[in-house]
N, C-alpha and C. Protein backbone atom coordinates (compact mmCIF):
# COMPACT_ATOMS: atom_id res chain seq x y z
N MET A 1 -54.34 -48.21 -39.84
CA MET A 1 -54.83 -47.40 -38.69
C MET A 1 -54.63 -48.28 -37.43
N ARG A 2 -54.13 -47.51 -36.44
CA ARG A 2 -53.98 -48.23 -35.14
C ARG A 2 -55.39 -48.52 -34.52
N ASP A 3 -55.26 -49.52 -33.69
CA ASP A 3 -56.50 -50.09 -33.15
C ASP A 3 -57.11 -49.04 -32.14
N PRO A 4 -58.24 -48.46 -32.43
CA PRO A 4 -58.82 -47.40 -31.57
C PRO A 4 -59.30 -47.93 -30.17
N ASN A 5 -59.45 -49.28 -30.09
CA ASN A 5 -59.86 -49.86 -28.78
C ASN A 5 -58.84 -49.64 -27.81
N ARG A 6 -57.59 -49.32 -28.10
CA ARG A 6 -56.58 -49.15 -27.11
C ARG A 6 -56.70 -47.90 -26.37
N ILE A 7 -57.35 -47.03 -26.91
CA ILE A 7 -57.58 -45.68 -26.22
C ILE A 7 -58.25 -45.82 -24.81
N PRO A 8 -59.49 -46.34 -24.76
CA PRO A 8 -60.13 -46.50 -23.47
C PRO A 8 -59.38 -47.36 -22.43
N VAL A 9 -58.51 -48.30 -22.90
CA VAL A 9 -57.66 -49.16 -22.03
C VAL A 9 -56.67 -48.27 -21.38
N VAL A 10 -55.93 -47.49 -22.14
CA VAL A 10 -54.93 -46.61 -21.73
C VAL A 10 -55.46 -45.48 -20.80
N LEU A 11 -56.61 -44.92 -21.20
CA LEU A 11 -57.24 -43.85 -20.36
C LEU A 11 -57.67 -44.41 -19.03
N ASP A 12 -58.27 -45.61 -19.03
CA ASP A 12 -58.67 -46.34 -17.84
C ASP A 12 -57.42 -46.49 -16.93
N ALA A 13 -56.30 -47.00 -17.40
CA ALA A 13 -55.26 -47.24 -16.57
C ALA A 13 -54.66 -45.90 -16.09
N LEU A 14 -54.62 -44.96 -16.87
CA LEU A 14 -54.16 -43.54 -16.50
C LEU A 14 -54.96 -43.06 -15.30
N ARG A 15 -56.43 -43.14 -15.45
CA ARG A 15 -57.26 -42.72 -14.48
C ARG A 15 -57.00 -43.37 -13.11
N ARG A 16 -56.92 -44.85 -13.13
CA ARG A 16 -56.68 -45.50 -11.95
C ARG A 16 -55.41 -45.09 -11.15
N VAL A 17 -54.29 -44.92 -11.96
CA VAL A 17 -53.02 -44.57 -11.35
C VAL A 17 -53.03 -43.08 -10.80
N TRP A 18 -53.61 -42.11 -11.74
CA TRP A 18 -53.50 -40.79 -11.34
C TRP A 18 -54.50 -40.42 -10.22
N GLU A 19 -55.57 -41.04 -10.08
CA GLU A 19 -56.47 -40.95 -8.98
C GLU A 19 -55.85 -41.30 -7.59
N ARG A 20 -54.90 -42.31 -7.75
CA ARG A 20 -54.05 -42.57 -6.54
C ARG A 20 -52.89 -41.77 -6.16
N GLN A 21 -52.58 -40.88 -7.15
CA GLN A 21 -51.47 -39.94 -6.99
C GLN A 21 -51.91 -38.51 -7.48
N PRO A 22 -52.97 -37.98 -6.88
CA PRO A 22 -53.55 -36.76 -7.56
C PRO A 22 -52.69 -35.38 -7.60
N ASP A 23 -51.68 -35.57 -6.66
CA ASP A 23 -50.84 -34.41 -6.61
C ASP A 23 -49.79 -34.31 -7.79
N LEU A 24 -49.73 -35.37 -8.61
CA LEU A 24 -48.83 -35.35 -9.79
C LEU A 24 -49.50 -34.67 -10.89
N ARG A 25 -48.73 -33.80 -11.79
CA ARG A 25 -49.26 -33.52 -12.99
C ARG A 25 -49.22 -34.52 -13.94
N LEU A 26 -50.09 -34.54 -15.06
CA LEU A 26 -50.24 -35.52 -16.04
C LEU A 26 -48.73 -35.76 -16.56
N GLY A 27 -47.94 -34.76 -16.93
CA GLY A 27 -46.74 -34.91 -17.54
C GLY A 27 -45.72 -35.67 -16.51
N GLN A 28 -45.80 -35.40 -15.17
CA GLN A 28 -45.02 -35.99 -14.39
C GLN A 28 -45.42 -37.53 -14.38
N LEU A 29 -46.65 -37.85 -14.20
CA LEU A 29 -47.08 -39.16 -14.26
C LEU A 29 -46.59 -40.03 -15.58
N ILE A 30 -46.64 -39.37 -16.71
CA ILE A 30 -46.10 -40.06 -17.94
C ILE A 30 -44.70 -40.17 -17.99
N VAL A 31 -44.04 -39.25 -17.44
CA VAL A 31 -42.49 -39.33 -17.43
C VAL A 31 -42.12 -40.45 -16.48
N ILE A 32 -42.79 -40.46 -15.26
CA ILE A 32 -42.33 -41.56 -14.34
C ILE A 32 -42.75 -42.85 -14.85
N ALA A 33 -43.91 -42.97 -15.48
CA ALA A 33 -44.30 -44.36 -16.00
C ALA A 33 -43.47 -44.78 -17.22
N THR A 34 -42.88 -43.87 -17.98
CA THR A 34 -42.11 -44.28 -19.19
C THR A 34 -40.65 -44.38 -18.96
N ARG A 35 -40.17 -43.57 -17.95
CA ARG A 35 -38.78 -43.69 -17.53
C ARG A 35 -37.78 -43.42 -18.78
N PRO A 36 -37.94 -42.25 -19.40
CA PRO A 36 -37.13 -42.07 -20.67
C PRO A 36 -35.64 -41.88 -20.35
N ASP A 37 -34.82 -42.25 -21.35
CA ASP A 37 -33.38 -42.18 -21.19
C ASP A 37 -32.84 -40.80 -20.99
N GLU A 38 -33.64 -39.98 -21.64
CA GLU A 38 -33.21 -38.42 -21.55
C GLU A 38 -34.30 -37.73 -20.81
N PRO A 39 -33.90 -36.68 -20.03
CA PRO A 39 -34.98 -35.89 -19.33
C PRO A 39 -35.85 -35.31 -20.22
N CYS A 40 -37.12 -35.17 -19.81
CA CYS A 40 -38.22 -34.45 -20.55
C CYS A 40 -38.78 -33.36 -19.64
N LEU A 41 -37.99 -32.37 -19.33
CA LEU A 41 -38.37 -31.37 -18.48
C LEU A 41 -39.75 -30.63 -18.81
N LYS A 42 -39.71 -30.32 -20.20
CA LYS A 42 -41.03 -29.67 -20.57
C LYS A 42 -42.30 -30.51 -20.32
N VAL A 43 -42.13 -31.84 -20.65
CA VAL A 43 -43.44 -32.69 -20.36
C VAL A 43 -43.58 -32.85 -18.90
N PHE A 44 -42.47 -33.12 -18.13
CA PHE A 44 -42.54 -33.17 -16.87
C PHE A 44 -43.24 -32.03 -16.01
N ASN A 45 -42.85 -30.81 -16.36
CA ASN A 45 -43.28 -29.69 -15.64
C ASN A 45 -44.46 -28.90 -16.21
N ILE A 46 -45.05 -29.45 -17.27
CA ILE A 46 -46.17 -28.79 -17.98
C ILE A 46 -47.37 -28.80 -16.97
N GLU A 47 -47.97 -27.70 -16.85
CA GLU A 47 -49.29 -27.56 -16.09
C GLU A 47 -50.44 -28.00 -16.95
N GLU A 48 -51.39 -28.51 -16.39
CA GLU A 48 -52.64 -29.00 -16.99
C GLU A 48 -53.24 -27.83 -17.99
N ALA A 49 -53.25 -26.66 -17.46
CA ALA A 49 -53.86 -25.59 -18.19
C ALA A 49 -53.14 -25.32 -19.47
N GLU A 50 -51.73 -25.44 -19.46
CA GLU A 50 -50.98 -25.34 -20.69
C GLU A 50 -51.25 -26.41 -21.64
N LEU A 51 -51.30 -27.65 -21.06
CA LEU A 51 -51.56 -28.84 -21.86
C LEU A 51 -52.84 -28.83 -22.46
N LEU A 52 -53.97 -28.34 -21.74
CA LEU A 52 -55.26 -28.15 -22.39
C LEU A 52 -55.16 -27.13 -23.48
N ALA A 53 -54.60 -26.07 -23.43
CA ALA A 53 -54.51 -25.07 -24.31
C ALA A 53 -53.71 -25.73 -25.69
N GLY A 54 -52.71 -26.39 -25.45
CA GLY A 54 -52.08 -27.13 -26.62
C GLY A 54 -52.92 -28.08 -27.20
N LEU A 55 -53.63 -28.86 -26.49
CA LEU A 55 -54.54 -29.90 -27.05
C LEU A 55 -55.69 -29.13 -27.87
N SER A 56 -56.22 -28.11 -27.30
CA SER A 56 -57.25 -27.37 -28.04
C SER A 56 -56.69 -26.76 -29.31
N GLU A 57 -55.57 -26.22 -29.32
CA GLU A 57 -54.91 -25.72 -30.47
C GLU A 57 -54.72 -26.80 -31.58
N TYR A 58 -54.33 -27.96 -31.15
CA TYR A 58 -53.97 -29.11 -32.02
C TYR A 58 -55.39 -29.60 -32.56
N GLU A 59 -56.37 -29.65 -31.72
CA GLU A 59 -57.73 -30.20 -32.12
C GLU A 59 -58.28 -29.16 -33.27
N ASN A 60 -58.01 -27.86 -33.08
CA ASN A 60 -58.54 -26.90 -34.09
C ASN A 60 -57.88 -27.12 -35.47
N GLN A 61 -56.69 -27.77 -35.51
CA GLN A 61 -55.97 -27.97 -36.76
C GLN A 61 -56.43 -29.19 -37.37
N LEU A 62 -57.09 -30.10 -36.78
CA LEU A 62 -57.46 -31.35 -37.31
C LEU A 62 -58.66 -31.15 -38.19
N PRO A 63 -58.69 -32.03 -39.28
CA PRO A 63 -59.86 -32.03 -40.19
C PRO A 63 -61.10 -32.29 -39.38
N SER A 64 -62.21 -31.69 -39.75
CA SER A 64 -63.48 -31.98 -39.14
C SER A 64 -64.03 -33.38 -39.51
N ILE A 65 -64.76 -33.81 -38.57
CA ILE A 65 -65.45 -35.15 -38.68
C ILE A 65 -66.83 -34.90 -39.17
N ASP A 66 -67.17 -35.32 -40.35
CA ASP A 66 -68.45 -35.08 -40.81
C ASP A 66 -69.10 -36.42 -41.28
């Protein structure tokens, strides 16, 4: 299992940078930060509402935590 302690570290860094550039969409920020070799237009252009819908759909497919 990957270290779950990495999650708050990444989210904190994301929050710090995104709050300084609030006009960027999350996908734009990720593409700018990662500088992929190939364009990622879907990620770059996704609106947060669409991303949240996708996250919700994915979450619903995950096994429940009991």
